[in-house]
Amino acid sequence: MKIAFTFLILLFVGNIYGQSNNFKVTLDAGHGDHDFGAVYSGRIEKNIALAIVLKVGRILESYPKVEVIYTRKTDVFIDLVERANIANRADSNIFVSIHCNANKNTAADGTETYVMGMNKIASNLEAAKKENAVITLEKDYKKKYEGFDPNSPETMIGMTLMQEEYLENSISLASKVEDAFALLGKKLRHGGVKQAPFMVLHKAYMPRVLVETGFISNPAEGDLLNSEQGQDDIAKAIANAIIGYKNEYFGDGGTETFEEKPSQILNENPVKTNETPGNN
């Protein structure tokens, strides 16, 4: 009897340890339901973001000790703060929000991976401003976000005054995503790591990035994002970057030494276009 009881205790403790030892990734598909995101020539951001997230999730779930949490797996609307809270409640190791970019200048192209922070570059701020404007679709958003106004530069600057505890690791994760995109060659031009005050990143208390997988407004790139093969390639790149980050910081074999790569430096020189980025 005593032996059986001891065995059950050990089994229970082992299960708890096994669960706590998982590398937890929260994947966030931008937009959803009545929030379509960017829409160009039948290409809909909310659908593309969800398709890529589900593909990334399936790849990650094939790895041992990797647990995937989704902010949404269907076409539903999730408040920005709730997306971050889902990751916080799960005690996730990283948070990855996936989107498509857009621009009135349809020649604009390339990926961008953002970390949380303030940057004076107008295009970065405009990207965050448009993304943060999603909160106006939420009920009682002024009360929920304590008067936050997505159109006010003052409130956006105020978001970044608190200490950025996870910036270094966020940049590392973002650089791995951009390096993985670079391996896709001519399929996607990688635009590098950038910094902007995204509300969805601000409220997640862990290393976190927002990935703009390409410009849905660019006819060629938009068709790539909307295709099965394009989504597969992008999903594999993002998943490889996440596993690379896990292996570096959480791998059993200790920390690997990586050569510094160009993408590890925040990109202060955005691609010159005639317009600032459109709806993300």
Protein backbone atom coordinates (compact mmCIF):
# COMPACT_ATOMS: atom_id res chain seq x y z
CA MET A 1 0.00 0.00 0.00
CA LYS A 2 2.78 2.38 0.99
CA ILE A 3 4.72 1.54 -2.18
CA ALA A 4 1.67 2.22 -4.37
CA PHE A 5 1.07 5.55 -2.62
CA THR A 6 4.72 6.56 -3.09
CA PHE A 7 4.51 5.64 -6.76
CA LEU A 8 1.42 7.82 -7.22
CA ILE A 9 3.14 10.75 -5.51
CA LEU A 10 6.19 10.38 -7.75
CA LEU A 11 3.99 10.11 -10.84
CA PHE A 12 2.08 13.27 -9.82
CA VAL A 13 5.27 15.22 -9.16
CA GLY A 14 6.74 13.97 -12.42
CA ASN A 15 3.69 15.20 -14.35
CA ILE A 16 3.88 18.62 -12.73
CA TYR A 17 7.59 18.89 -13.51
CA GLY A 18 7.02 17.73 -17.07
CA GLN A 19 4.35 20.37 -17.62
CA SER A 20 6.38 23.18 -16.07
CA ASN A 21 9.42 22.16 -18.11
CA ASN A 22 7.63 22.78 -21.42
CA PHE A 23 8.66 25.67 -23.63
CA LYS A 24 5.43 27.62 -24.01
CA VAL A 25 4.72 29.68 -27.13
CA THR A 26 1.64 31.87 -27.48
CA LEU A 27 0.76 32.46 -31.13
CA ASP A 28 -1.49 35.40 -31.93
CA ALA A 29 -3.27 35.70 -35.28
CA GLY A 30 -3.97 39.38 -35.79
CA HIS A 31 -7.51 40.74 -36.23
CA GLY A 32 -10.59 38.50 -36.60
CA ASP A 33 -14.36 38.52 -37.15
CA HIS A 34 -15.57 42.09 -37.92
CA ASP A 35 -11.96 43.34 -37.74
CA PHE A 36 -10.71 42.31 -41.19
CA GLY A 37 -7.36 44.08 -41.01
CA ALA A 38 -5.99 45.07 -44.41
CA VAL A 39 -8.00 44.02 -47.46
CA TYR A 40 -6.66 44.27 -51.01
CA SER A 41 -8.08 42.59 -54.14
CA GLY A 42 -9.77 39.83 -52.16
CA ARG A 43 -6.73 39.22 -49.96
CA ILE A 44 -7.88 39.48 -46.32
CA GLU A 45 -5.35 39.93 -43.55
CA LYS A 46 -7.34 38.21 -40.77
CA ASN A 47 -7.59 35.01 -42.84
CA ILE A 48 -3.95 34.98 -43.92
CA ALA A 49 -2.70 35.65 -40.38
CA LEU A 50 -4.82 32.82 -38.98
CA ALA A 51 -3.73 30.38 -41.69
CA ILE A 52 -0.05 31.10 -41.00
CA VAL A 53 -0.51 30.86 -37.23
CA LEU A 54 -2.19 27.45 -37.50
CA LYS A 55 0.62 26.20 -39.74
CA VAL A 56 3.30 27.51 -37.34
CA GLY A 57 1.45 25.86 -34.47
CA ARG A 58 1.29 22.48 -36.18
CA ILE A 59 5.03 22.55 -36.82
CA LEU A 60 5.87 23.54 -33.24
CA GLU A 61 3.53 20.92 -31.78
CA SER A 62 5.59 18.22 -33.51
CA TYR A 63 8.55 19.06 -31.23
CA PRO A 64 8.82 17.48 -27.76
CA LYS A 65 8.37 19.73 -24.74
CA VAL A 66 6.94 22.57 -26.85
CA GLU A 67 3.47 23.72 -25.86
CA VAL A 68 1.50 26.03 -28.14
CA ILE A 69 -1.19 28.40 -26.89
CA TYR A 70 -3.38 30.21 -29.42
CA THR A 71 -5.14 33.52 -28.88
CA ARG A 72 -7.58 32.40 -31.56
CA LYS A 73 -7.96 29.34 -33.80
CA THR A 74 -11.11 30.50 -35.55
CA ASP A 75 -12.52 33.70 -37.04
CA VAL A 76 -13.32 35.49 -33.78
CA PHE A 77 -12.52 38.94 -32.41
CA ILE A 78 -10.21 39.09 -29.39
CA ASP A 79 -9.46 42.33 -27.53
CA LEU A 80 -5.82 43.41 -27.72
CA VAL A 81 -5.35 43.31 -23.96
CA GLU A 82 -6.95 39.84 -23.82
CA ARG A 83 -4.50 38.53 -26.42
CA ALA A 84 -1.64 39.52 -24.13
CA ASN A 85 -3.48 38.21 -21.06
CA ILE A 86 -3.87 34.78 -22.68
CA ALA A 87 -0.08 34.61 -22.91
CA ASN A 88 0.34 35.95 -19.37
CA ARG A 89 -2.09 33.45 -17.84
CA ALA A 90 -0.34 30.59 -19.63
CA ASP A 91 3.00 31.84 -18.30
CA SER A 92 4.35 31.62 -21.83
CA ASN A 93 8.03 31.88 -22.58
CA ILE A 94 7.43 33.96 -25.72
CA PHE A 95 4.57 35.77 -27.48
CA VAL A 96 4.45 35.98 -31.29
CA SER A 97 1.79 38.11 -32.99
CA ILE A 98 1.44 37.56 -36.74
CA HIS A 99 0.10 40.11 -39.23
CA CYS A 100 0.33 41.36 -42.82
CA ASN A 101 1.49 44.85 -43.71
CA ALA A 102 -0.15 47.24 -46.18
CA ASN A 103 0.69 50.47 -47.95
CA LYS A 104 -1.07 52.78 -50.41
CA ASN A 105 2.14 52.54 -52.41
CA THR A 106 1.61 49.04 -53.81
CA ALA A 107 5.33 48.72 -54.63
CA ALA A 108 6.16 48.53 -50.92
CA ASP A 109 7.29 45.03 -49.98
CA GLY A 110 9.21 42.95 -47.47
CA THR A 111 8.90 41.55 -43.99
CA GLU A 112 9.33 43.47 -40.74
CA THR A 113 9.56 42.12 -37.21
CA TYR A 114 8.83 44.54 -34.40
CA VAL A 115 9.80 44.61 -30.75
CA MET A 116 8.11 46.81 -28.17
CA GLY A 117 9.56 50.29 -27.77
CA MET A 118 9.54 53.88 -28.87
CA ASN A 119 11.14 54.92 -32.13
CA LYS A 120 11.01 58.35 -33.77
CA ILE A 121 10.78 56.97 -37.29
CA ALA A 122 7.39 58.03 -38.65
CA SER A 123 6.68 54.79 -40.52
CA ASN A 124 7.23 52.70 -37.39
CA LEU A 125 4.94 54.93 -35.33
CA GLU A 126 2.33 54.92 -38.07
CA ALA A 127 2.37 51.13 -38.18
CA ALA A 128 1.77 50.99 -34.41
CA LYS A 129 -0.86 53.74 -34.55
CA LYS A 130 -2.93 51.87 -37.13
CA GLU A 131 -2.57 48.54 -35.33
CA ASN A 132 -3.47 50.05 -31.95
CA ALA A 133 -6.57 51.68 -33.50
CA VAL A 134 -8.16 48.22 -33.36
CA ILE A 135 -9.06 48.93 -29.72
CA THR A 136 -11.76 51.38 -30.88
CA LEU A 137 -13.72 48.32 -32.06
CA GLU A 138 -13.84 47.03 -28.49
CA LYS A 139 -16.62 47.82 -26.01
CA ASP A 140 -15.81 50.47 -23.38
CA TYR A 141 -12.29 50.77 -24.74
CA LYS A 142 -11.70 54.19 -23.15
CA LYS A 143 -12.38 52.77 -19.70
CA LYS A 144 -10.55 49.50 -20.38
CA TYR A 145 -7.42 51.22 -21.68
CA GLU A 146 -7.58 54.09 -19.18
CA GLY A 147 -8.17 56.81 -21.76
CA PHE A 148 -5.59 55.53 -24.24
CA ASP A 149 -6.02 57.34 -27.55
CA PRO A 150 -4.38 55.54 -30.51
CA ASN A 151 -4.26 58.85 -32.38
CA SER A 152 -2.35 60.68 -29.65
CA PRO A 153 1.48 60.67 -29.81
CA GLU A 154 1.58 61.51 -26.09
CA THR A 155 -0.22 58.34 -25.04
CA MET A 156 1.92 56.23 -27.38
CA ILE A 157 5.10 57.69 -25.89
CA GLY A 158 3.73 57.09 -22.40
CA MET A 159 3.37 53.38 -23.18
CA THR A 160 7.14 53.01 -23.39
CA LEU A 161 8.21 54.95 -20.30
CA MET A 162 8.18 51.83 -18.13
CA GLN A 163 11.36 49.77 -18.12
CA GLU A 164 11.56 47.37 -21.06
CA GLU A 165 12.54 44.24 -19.17
CA TYR A 166 12.44 41.83 -22.10
CA LEU A 167 13.91 43.98 -24.87
CA GLU A 168 17.19 42.11 -25.32
CA ASN A 169 15.50 38.71 -25.63
CA SER A 170 12.77 40.17 -27.83
CA ILE A 171 15.40 41.52 -30.22
CA SER A 172 17.10 38.12 -30.26
CA LEU A 173 13.82 36.40 -31.16
CA ALA A 174 12.98 39.04 -33.77
CA SER A 175 16.43 38.73 -35.35
CA LYS A 176 16.00 34.98 -35.68
CA VAL A 177 12.66 35.49 -37.44
CA GLU A 178 14.19 37.95 -39.90
CA ASP A 179 17.23 35.70 -40.46
CA ALA A 180 14.86 32.82 -41.23
CA PHE A 181 12.98 35.00 -43.71
CA ALA A 182 16.29 35.89 -45.35
CA LEU A 183 16.83 32.19 -46.09
CA LEU A 184 13.70 32.26 -48.27
CA GLY A 185 15.81 34.17 -50.78
CA LYS A 186 13.97 36.17 -53.42
CA LYS A 187 10.55 35.00 -52.23
CA LEU A 188 10.48 37.71 -49.55
CA ARG A 189 12.70 40.70 -48.93
CA HIS A 190 13.45 40.85 -45.19
CA GLY A 191 13.22 44.36 -43.78
CA GLY A 192 14.90 43.73 -40.44
CA VAL A 193 14.09 44.26 -36.77
CA LYS A 194 12.26 47.45 -35.82
CA GLN A 195 10.87 49.07 -32.72
CA ALA A 196 7.38 50.54 -32.19
CA PRO A 197 4.81 50.92 -29.37
CA PHE A 198 2.28 48.18 -30.15
CA MET A 199 -0.40 47.82 -27.48
CA VAL A 200 -0.64 44.04 -27.96
CA LEU A 201 3.09 43.73 -27.16
CA HIS A 202 3.00 46.26 -24.33
CA LYS A 203 0.73 44.12 -22.16
CA ALA A 204 2.53 40.79 -22.65
CA TYR A 205 5.06 40.16 -19.88
CA MET A 206 7.63 38.04 -21.68
CA PRO A 207 9.87 38.32 -24.76
CA ARG A 208 7.47 39.23 -27.55
CA VAL A 209 7.48 40.21 -31.20
CA LEU A 210 5.01 41.31 -33.85
CA VAL A 211 5.73 39.85 -37.29
CA GLU A 212 4.63 41.64 -40.45
CA THR A 213 4.86 38.75 -42.88
CA GLY A 214 4.81 40.95 -45.99
CA PHE A 215 2.71 43.52 -47.79
CA ILE A 216 -0.77 42.32 -48.65
CA SER A 217 -1.12 45.48 -50.76
CA ASN A 218 1.72 44.44 -53.09
CA PRO A 219 0.15 42.34 -55.90
CA ALA A 220 2.97 39.78 -56.14
CA GLU A 221 3.73 39.60 -52.44
CA GLY A 222 0.03 39.64 -51.57
CA ASP A 223 -0.58 36.64 -53.83
CA LEU A 224 2.34 34.87 -52.17
CA LEU A 225 0.90 35.54 -48.70
CA ASN A 226 -2.50 34.32 -49.88
CA SER A 227 -1.14 31.07 -51.36
CA GLU A 228 -0.78 27.71 -49.66
CA GLN A 229 2.89 27.43 -50.62
CA GLY A 230 3.68 30.96 -49.51
CA GLN A 231 2.03 30.42 -46.15
CA ASP A 232 3.87 27.11 -45.74
CA ASP A 233 7.23 28.78 -46.40
CA ILE A 234 6.52 31.66 -44.03
CA ALA A 235 5.23 29.34 -41.32
CA LYS A 236 8.33 27.13 -41.56
CA ALA A 237 10.58 30.18 -41.30
CA ILE A 238 8.81 31.49 -38.20
CA ALA A 239 8.71 28.03 -36.58
CA ASN A 240 12.43 27.50 -37.29
CA ALA A 241 13.21 30.85 -35.70
CA ILE A 242 11.20 29.97 -32.59
CA ILE A 243 12.91 26.59 -32.25
CA GLY A 244 16.28 28.30 -32.75
CA TYR A 245 15.44 30.71 -29.94
CA LYS A 246 14.31 27.83 -27.71
CA ASN A 247 17.50 25.88 -28.37
CA GLU A 248 19.67 28.89 -27.56
CA TYR A 249 17.96 29.92 -24.34
CA PHE A 250 16.23 26.76 -23.12
CA GLY A 251 18.10 23.88 -24.78
CA ASP A 252 19.46 21.01 -22.65
CA GLY A 253 22.89 21.35 -24.23
CA GLY A 254 23.53 24.85 -22.88
CA THR A 255 23.68 28.13 -24.71
CA GLU A 256 25.06 28.12 -28.22
CA THR A 257 27.33 30.87 -29.42
CA PHE A 258 26.02 32.71 -32.45
CA GLU A 259 27.81 35.15 -34.66
CA GLU A 260 26.23 38.59 -34.62
CA LYS A 261 24.09 38.98 -37.73
CA PRO A 262 23.00 42.19 -39.44
CA SER A 263 19.39 41.67 -38.39
CA GLN A 264 20.34 41.81 -34.71
CA ILE A 265 20.76 45.56 -35.01
CA LEU A 266 17.54 47.56 -34.91
CA ASN A 267 16.78 48.90 -38.39
CA GLU A 268 16.79 52.70 -38.13
CA ASN A 269 16.49 53.23 -41.88
CA PRO A 270 13.11 52.10 -43.19
CA VAL A 271 12.50 51.38 -46.84
CA LYS A 272 11.69 54.62 -48.63
CA THR A 273 8.17 54.67 -50.01
CA ASN A 274 5.74 57.38 -50.95
CA GLU A 275 3.37 56.51 -48.13
CA THR A 276 3.59 55.33 -44.55
CA PRO A 277 2.41 51.76 -43.87
CA GLY A 278 -1.30 51.11 -44.12
CA ASN A 279 -3.57 49.00 -41.93
CA ASN A 280 -1.72 46.14 -40.30
